[in-house]
C-alpha atoms as a PDB file:
ATOM      1  CA  MET A   1    -144.338-119.285 130.417  1.00  0.00           C
ATOM      2  CA  PRO A   2    -146.747-118.751 127.479  1.00  0.00           C
ATOM      3  CA  LEU A   3    -144.713-119.813 124.434  1.00  0.00           C
ATOM      4  CA  TYR A   4    -146.092-118.177 121.278  1.00  0.00           C
ATOM      5  CA  ARG A   5    -144.341-120.131 118.497  1.00  0.00           C
ATOM      6  CA  ASP A   6    -141.827-122.973 118.245  1.00  0.00           C
ATOM      7  CA  PHE A   7    -139.850-123.054 114.986  1.00  0.00           C
ATOM      8  CA  SER A   8    -137.244-125.583 116.142  1.00  0.00           C
ATOM      9  CA  ASP A   9    -135.655-128.004 113.680  1.00  0.00           C
ATOM     10  CA  ASP A  10    -133.110-130.828 113.798  1.00  0.00           C
ATOM     11  CA  ASN A  11    -130.201-128.424 114.377  1.00  0.00           C
ATOM     12  CA  ALA A  12    -131.644-125.650 116.486  1.00  0.00           C
ATOM     13  CA  THR A  13    -134.150-124.730 119.170  1.00  0.00           C
ATOM     14  CA  ILE A  14    -135.973-121.596 117.993  1.00  0.00           C
ATOM     15  CA  LEU A  15    -138.637-120.111 120.273  1.00  0.00           C
ATOM     16  CA  VAL A  16    -140.812-116.987 120.127  1.00  0.00           C
ATOM     17  CA  TRP A  17    -142.556-115.509 123.144  1.00  0.00           C
ATOM     18  CA  LYS A  18    -145.262-112.848 123.173  1.00  0.00           C
ATOM     19  CA  TYR A  19    -145.283-110.595 126.218  1.00  0.00           C
ATOM     20  CA  ASP A  20    -147.817-111.421 128.894  1.00  0.00           C
ATOM     21  CA  GLU A  21    -148.068-108.778 131.606  1.00  0.00           C
ATOM     22  CA  THR A  22    -148.957-111.425 134.186  1.00  0.00           C
ATOM     23  CA  GLU A  23    -145.506-112.989 133.744  1.00  0.00           C
ATOM     24  CA  ASP A  24    -142.948-112.260 136.464  1.00  0.00           C
ATOM     25  CA  LEU A  25    -139.799-110.751 134.921  1.00  0.00           C
ATOM     26  CA  ASP A  26    -137.527-110.032 137.882  1.00  0.00           C
ATOM     27  CA  ILE A  27    -134.440-108.167 136.670  1.00  0.00           C
ATOM     28  CA  ASN A  28    -132.505-109.263 139.754  1.00  0.00           C
ATOM     29  CA  ILE A  29    -133.042-112.906 138.867  1.00  0.00           C
ATOM     30  CA  LEU A  30    -132.908-112.798 135.069  1.00  0.00           C
ATOM     31  CA  LEU A  31    -130.290-110.211 134.109  1.00  0.00           C
ATOM     32  CA  GLU A  32    -126.603-111.118 134.167  1.00  0.00           C
ATOM     33  CA  PRO A  33    -124.634-108.782 136.500  1.00  0.00           C
ATOM     34  CA  GLU A  34    -122.201-108.208 133.612  1.00  0.00           C
ATOM     35  CA  ASN A  35    -125.011-106.496 131.641  1.00  0.00           C
ATOM     36  CA  ALA A  36    -126.289-104.177 134.378  1.00  0.00           C
ATOM     37  CA  ASP A  37    -124.566-101.069 132.988  1.00  0.00           C
ATOM     38  CA  LYS A  38    -125.615-101.934 129.446  1.00  0.00           C
ATOM     39  CA  VAL A  39    -129.347-101.746 130.246  1.00  0.00           C
ATOM     40  CA  LYS A  40    -129.441 -99.010 132.881  1.00  0.00           C
ATOM     41  CA  ASP A  41    -130.814 -96.377 130.470  1.00  0.00           C
ATOM     42  CA  TYR A  42    -133.040 -98.677 128.421  1.00  0.00           C
ATOM     43  CA  HIS A  43    -136.637 -97.734 127.707  1.00  0.00           C
ATOM     44  CA  PRO A  44    -138.967 -99.925 129.832  1.00  0.00           C
ATOM     45  CA  LYS A  45    -140.205-101.844 126.768  1.00  0.00           C
ATOM     46  CA  LYS A  46    -136.667-102.519 125.589  1.00  0.00           C
ATOM     47  CA  LEU A  47    -135.746-103.750 129.046  1.00  0.00           C
ATOM     48  CA  LEU A  48    -138.756-106.082 128.978  1.00  0.00           C
ATOM     49  CA  GLU A  49    -137.508-107.491 125.658  1.00  0.00           C
ATOM     50  CA  VAL A  50    -134.105-108.198 127.207  1.00  0.00           C
ATOM     51  CA  LEU A  51    -135.695-109.931 130.184  1.00  0.00           C
ATOM     52  CA  MET A  52    -138.017-111.967 127.969  1.00  0.00           C
ATOM     53  CA  VAL A  53    -135.023-113.365 126.105  1.00  0.00           C
ATOM     54  CA  ARG A  54    -133.376-114.281 129.435  1.00  0.00           C
ATOM     55  CA  LYS A  55    -136.569-115.978 130.585  1.00  0.00           C
ATOM     56  CA  LEU A  56    -136.549-118.074 127.413  1.00  0.00           C
ATOM     57  CA  LEU A  57    -132.891-118.960 128.009  1.00  0.00           C
ATOM     58  CA  LYS A  58    -133.594-120.016 131.614  1.00  0.00           C
ATOM     59  CA  GLY A  59    -136.070-122.566 130.318  1.00  0.00           C
ATOM     60  CA  LEU A  60    -133.537-124.004 127.874  1.00  0.00           C
ATOM     61  CA  LYS A  61    -130.157-123.624 129.572  1.00  0.00           C
ATOM     62  CA  PRO A  62    -130.704-122.510 133.184  1.00  0.00           C
ATOM     63  CA  HIS A  63    -126.995-122.247 133.988  1.00  0.00           C
ATOM     64  CA  SER A  64    -125.984-120.207 130.928  1.00  0.00           C
ATOM     65  CA  LYS A  65    -125.542-116.464 130.488  1.00  0.00           C
ATOM     66  CA  ILE A  66    -125.848-114.183 127.473  1.00  0.00           C
ATOM     67  CA  LEU A  67    -122.776-111.968 127.261  1.00  0.00           C
ATOM     68  CA  TYR A  68    -121.556-109.642 124.510  1.00  0.00           C
ATOM     69  CA  LYS A  69    -118.439-109.147 122.442  1.00  0.00           C
ATOM     70  CA  GLU A  70    -118.605-105.917 120.425  1.00  0.00           C
ATOM     71  CA  ARG A  71    -122.424-105.975 120.717  1.00  0.00           C
ATOM     72  CA  GLU A  72    -122.575-109.562 119.451  1.00  0.00           C
ATOM     73  CA  PRO A  73    -124.251-111.949 121.928  1.00  0.00           C
ATOM     74  CA  PHE A  74    -122.663-115.253 122.882  1.00  0.00           C
ATOM     75  CA  LEU A  75    -123.406-117.973 125.396  1.00  0.00           C
ATOM     76  CA  SER A  76    -121.305-118.462 128.491  1.00  0.00           C
ATOM     77  CA  PRO A  77    -120.241-121.214 128.819  1.00  0.00           C
ATOM     78  CA  LYS A  78    -119.824-121.263 125.037  1.00  0.00           C
ATOM     79  CA  ASP A  79    -121.259-124.713 124.362  1.00  0.00           C
ATOM     80  CA  ALA A  80    -123.656-123.623 121.580  1.00  0.00           C
ATOM     81  CA  GLU A  81    -124.330-120.800 119.138  1.00  0.00           C
ATOM     82  CA  ILE A  82    -127.019-118.232 119.899  1.00  0.00           C
ATOM     83  CA  SER A  83    -129.048-115.566 118.155  1.00  0.00           C
ATOM     84  CA  ILE A  84    -131.648-113.273 119.690  1.00  0.00           C
ATOM     85  CA  THR A  85    -134.174-110.800 118.343  1.00  0.00           C
ATOM     86  CA  HIS A  86    -137.048-108.757 119.700  1.00  0.00           C
ATOM     87  CA  SER A  87    -139.724-106.331 118.597  1.00  0.00           C
ATOM     88  CA  PHE A  88    -142.170-105.643 121.388  1.00  0.00           C
ATOM     89  CA  PRO A  89    -144.377-107.480 122.275  1.00  0.00           C
ATOM     90  CA  PHE A  90    -142.293-110.334 120.802  1.00  0.00           C
ATOM     91  CA  ALA A  91    -138.899-111.735 121.743  1.00  0.00           C
ATOM     92  CA  ALA A  92    -137.144-114.774 120.318  1.00  0.00           C
ATOM     93  CA  ILE A  93    -134.088-116.935 120.901  1.00  0.00           C
ATOM     94  CA  ALA A  94    -132.283-119.522 118.784  1.00  0.00           C
ATOM     95  CA  ILE A  95    -129.747-121.973 120.195  1.00  0.00           C
ATOM     96  CA  SER A  96    -127.935-124.151 117.701  1.00  0.00           C
ATOM     97  CA  LYS A  97    -124.930-126.392 117.185  1.00  0.00           C
ATOM     98  CA  ASN A  98    -124.136-124.230 114.126  1.00  0.00           C
ATOM     99  CA  LYS A  99    -124.022-120.469 113.603  1.00  0.00           C
ATOM    100  CA  ILE A 100    -127.533-119.072 113.279  1.00  0.00           C
ATOM    101  CA  GLY A 101    -129.181-115.708 112.753  1.00  0.00           C
ATOM    102  CA  ILE A 102    -132.804-114.802 113.501  1.00  0.00           C
ATOM    103  CA  ASP A 103    -134.706-111.551 113.048  1.00  0.00           C
ATOM    104  CA  ILE A 104    -138.228-110.296 113.633  1.00  0.00           C
ATOM    105  CA  GLU A 105    -139.687-107.276 111.831  1.00  0.00           C
ATOM    106  CA  LYS A 106    -143.109-105.658 111.847  1.00  0.00           C
ATOM    107  CA  PHE A 107    -144.526-105.050 108.382  1.00  0.00           C
ATOM    108  CA  ASN A 108    -144.557-101.301 107.821  1.00  0.00           C
ATOM    109  CA  PRO A 109    -144.836 -99.329 104.559  1.00  0.00           C
ATOM    110  CA  LYS A 110    -142.287 -96.853 105.950  1.00  0.00           C
ATOM    111  CA  ILE A 111    -139.593 -99.333 104.897  1.00  0.00           C
ATOM    112  CA  LEU A 112    -140.023 -98.014 101.336  1.00  0.00           C
ATOM    113  CA  ARG A 113    -138.310 -94.787 102.441  1.00  0.00           C
ATOM    114  CA  VAL A 114    -135.021 -96.569 103.138  1.00  0.00           C
ATOM    115  CA  ILE A 115    -134.726 -99.241 100.432  1.00  0.00           C
ATOM    116  CA  ASP A 116    -131.691 -97.452  98.940  1.00  0.00           C
ATOM    117  CA  LYS A 117    -129.824 -98.133 102.189  1.00  0.00           C
ATOM    118  CA  PHE A 118    -130.001-101.926 101.925  1.00  0.00           C
ATOM    119  CA  THR A 119    -130.667-102.828  98.266  1.00  0.00           C
ATOM    120  CA  PHE A 120    -129.260-101.948  94.855  1.00  0.00           C
ATOM    121  CA  GLU A 121    -131.673-101.037  92.069  1.00  0.00           C
ATOM    122  CA  ASN A 122    -130.746-104.188  90.127  1.00  0.00           C
ATOM    123  CA  GLU A 123    -131.944-106.331  93.093  1.00  0.00           C
ATOM    124  CA  ARG A 124    -135.521-105.084  92.840  1.00  0.00           C
ATOM    125  CA  GLY A 125    -136.802-106.234  89.450  1.00  0.00           C
ATOM    126  CA  PHE A 126    -138.798-109.210  90.768  1.00  0.00           C
ATOM    127  CA  ILE A 127    -140.755-107.234  93.384  1.00  0.00           C
ATOM    128  CA  PRO A 128    -144.440-106.579  92.493  1.00  0.00           C
ATOM    129  CA  PHE A 129    -145.509-102.960  92.821  1.00  0.00           C
ATOM    130  CA  ASP A 130    -148.699-103.849  94.702  1.00  0.00           C
ATOM    131  CA  ASN A 131    -146.843-105.629  97.537  1.00  0.00           C
ATOM    132  CA  GLU A 132    -143.530-103.817  97.857  1.00  0.00           C
ATOM    133  CA  SER A 133    -143.506-103.314 101.623  1.00  0.00           C
ATOM    134  CA  THR A 134    -143.955-107.050 102.270  1.00  0.00           C
ATOM    135  CA  TYR A 135    -141.095-108.001  99.957  1.00  0.00           C
ATOM    136  CA  TYR A 136    -138.728-105.322 101.236  1.00  0.00           C
ATOM    137  CA  THR A 137    -139.453-106.244 104.848  1.00  0.00           C
ATOM    138  CA  ILE A 138    -138.534-109.846 104.052  1.00  0.00           C
ATOM    139  CA  ILE A 139    -135.334-108.769 102.275  1.00  0.00           C
ATOM    140  CA  TRP A 140    -134.347-106.546 105.194  1.00  0.00           C
ATOM    141  CA  SER A 141    -135.058-109.322 107.695  1.00  0.00           C
ATOM    142  CA  VAL A 142    -133.107-111.950 105.729  1.00  0.00           C
ATOM    143  CA  LYS A 143    -130.121-109.603 105.451  1.00  0.00           C
ATOM    144  CA  GLU A 144    -130.308-108.796 109.161  1.00  0.00           C
ATOM    145  CA  SER A 145    -130.291-112.528 109.949  1.00  0.00           C
ATOM    146  CA  MET A 146    -127.232-113.081 107.736  1.00  0.00           C
ATOM    147  CA  TYR A 147    -125.545-110.085 109.350  1.00  0.00           C
ATOM    148  CA  LYS A 148    -125.783-111.826 112.707  1.00  0.00           C
ATOM    149  CA  ILE A 149    -123.731-114.696 111.297  1.00  0.00           C
ATOM    150  CA  HIS A 150    -121.100-112.420 109.677  1.00  0.00           C
ATOM    151  CA  HIS A 151    -121.453-109.617 112.200  1.00  0.00           C
ATOM    152  CA  SER A 152    -117.884-108.452 112.655  1.00  0.00           C
ATOM    153  CA  LYS A 153    -116.541-108.708 109.103  1.00  0.00           C
ATOM    154  CA  HIS A 154    -119.269-107.502 106.750  1.00  0.00           C
ATOM    155  CA  TRP A 155    -120.977-104.303 107.796  1.00  0.00           C
ATOM    156  CA  SER A 156    -122.993-103.126 104.767  1.00  0.00           C
ATOM    157  CA  LEU A 157    -126.340-104.803 104.110  1.00  0.00           C
ATOM    158  CA  LYS A 158    -126.285-103.194 100.670  1.00  0.00           C
ATOM    159  CA  LYS A 159    -122.742-104.085  99.596  1.00  0.00           C
ATOM    160  CA  HIS A 160    -122.160-107.520 101.154  1.00  0.00           C
ATOM    161  CA  TYR A 161    -125.585-109.187 101.371  1.00  0.00           C
ATOM    162  CA  GLU A 162    -127.760-110.484  98.563  1.00  0.00           C
ATOM    163  CA  VAL A 163    -131.248-111.993  98.585  1.00  0.00           C
ATOM    164  CA  ARG A 164    -132.100-113.811  95.380  1.00  0.00           C
ATOM    165  CA  PRO A 165    -135.559-113.450  93.764  1.00  0.00           C
ATOM    166  CA  PHE A 166    -138.352-115.295  95.591  1.00  0.00           C
ATOM    167  CA  GLU A 167    -142.129-115.655  95.743  1.00  0.00           C
ATOM    168  CA  LEU A 168    -144.371-115.395  98.804  1.00  0.00           C
ATOM    169  CA  LYS A 169    -145.627-118.943  98.266  1.00  0.00           C
ATOM    170  CA  HIS A 170    -142.062-120.275  98.639  1.00  0.00           C
ATOM    171  CA  LEU A 171    -140.661-118.724 101.812  1.00  0.00           C
ATOM    172  CA  HIS A 172    -138.843-121.673 103.385  1.00  0.00           C
ATOM    173  CA  HIS A 173    -135.948-121.862 100.916  1.00  0.00           C
ATOM    174  CA  ILE A 174    -134.991-118.295  99.978  1.00  0.00           C
ATOM    175  CA  LYS A 175    -131.499-118.279  98.482  1.00  0.00           C
ATOM    176  CA  CYS A 176    -129.179-115.626  99.860  1.00  0.00           C
ATOM    177  CA  ARG A 177    -125.483-114.984 100.326  1.00  0.00           C
ATOM    178  CA  VAL A 178    -122.800-112.941 102.059  1.00  0.00           C
ATOM    179  CA  TYR A 179    -120.002-111.942  99.719  1.00  0.00           C
ATOM    180  CA  ASP A 180    -117.012-109.728  99.029  1.00  0.00           C
ATOM    181  CA  GLU A 181    -114.084-109.852  96.596  1.00  0.00           C
ATOM    182  CA  GLN A 182    -112.716-113.059  98.147  1.00  0.00           C
ATOM    183  CA  ILE A 183    -115.691-115.091  99.384  1.00  0.00           C
ATOM    184  CA  SER A 184    -119.284-115.957  98.569  1.00  0.00           C
ATOM    185  CA  ASP A 185    -121.036-117.824 101.388  1.00  0.00           C
ATOM    186  CA  GLU A 186    -124.361-119.272 100.279  1.00  0.00           C
ATOM    187  CA  PHE A 187    -127.327-119.697 102.640  1.00  0.00           C
ATOM    188  CA  LYS A 188    -131.017-120.543 102.588  1.00  0.00           C
ATOM    189  CA  ALA A 189    -133.407-118.441 104.634  1.00  0.00           C
ATOM    190  CA  ARG A 190    -136.680-119.591 106.142  1.00  0.00           C
ATOM    191  CA  VAL A 191    -139.375-116.959 106.617  1.00  0.00           C
ATOM    192  CA  GLU A 192    -142.491-117.271 108.774  1.00  0.00           C
ATOM    193  CA  PHE A 193    -145.425-114.867 109.192  1.00  0.00           C
ATOM    194  CA  PHE A 194    -147.488-114.328 112.336  1.00  0.00           C
ATOM    195  CA  ASP A 195    -149.722-111.465 113.417  1.00  0.00           C
ATOM    196  CA  ASP A 196    -148.318-108.559 111.376  1.00  0.00           C
ATOM    197  CA  TYR A 197    -144.687-109.694 111.675  1.00  0.00           C
ATOM    198  CA  CYS A 198    -142.039-111.365 109.586  1.00  0.00           C
ATOM    199  CA  PHE A 199    -139.719-113.856 111.343  1.00  0.00           C
ATOM    200  CA  THR A 200    -136.566-115.006 109.556  1.00  0.00           C
ATOM    201  CA  ILE A 201    -134.139-117.844 110.262  1.00  0.00           C
ATOM    202  CA  VAL A 202    -130.773-118.308 108.537  1.00  0.00           C
ATOM    203  CA  GLU A 203    -128.671-121.283 109.600  1.00  0.00           C
ATOM    204  CA  GLU A 204    -125.080-122.035 108.669  1.00  0.00           C
END
């Protein structure tokens, strides 16, 4: 299988695959029977993304399944933590001993239309006007990655997730947190660029 990027570290295996139409993605072999109803109305590209993630998993843990609890994926048997993400033609998987969240986003200036949905005005002062879409895509992706760690409890990317000011030359240690009135869980995000995409990793 043509692996596109390997971002693994001491705690996690983190792999990105770019779709290759010569690759055999047999739904009868790759898809868990428990997920058959879930994907029956998927667009063909979305189904390919699902199968790509399963193909990656087969290479890492051939006897494991990806199942879902309230839309949140987990491994069965549950002997590790997992996070998945996809944006065609890319799909990625992370398997870790600790909770982990990954996200892939294509850079797109249209993100500027929705910044009020995931940031407060007082979060934006460090963002340069000539590169706003890059910065906001990174912020969105970091918050999405944190959301995958705190999926069930904290639902608002605007109210419960904060990305501290950063510079593009320092993307491997972006400070961020999930918070409410009782807790403030601090994290560091790692951001990678390839093609025209942003790939984010947040580990517990």
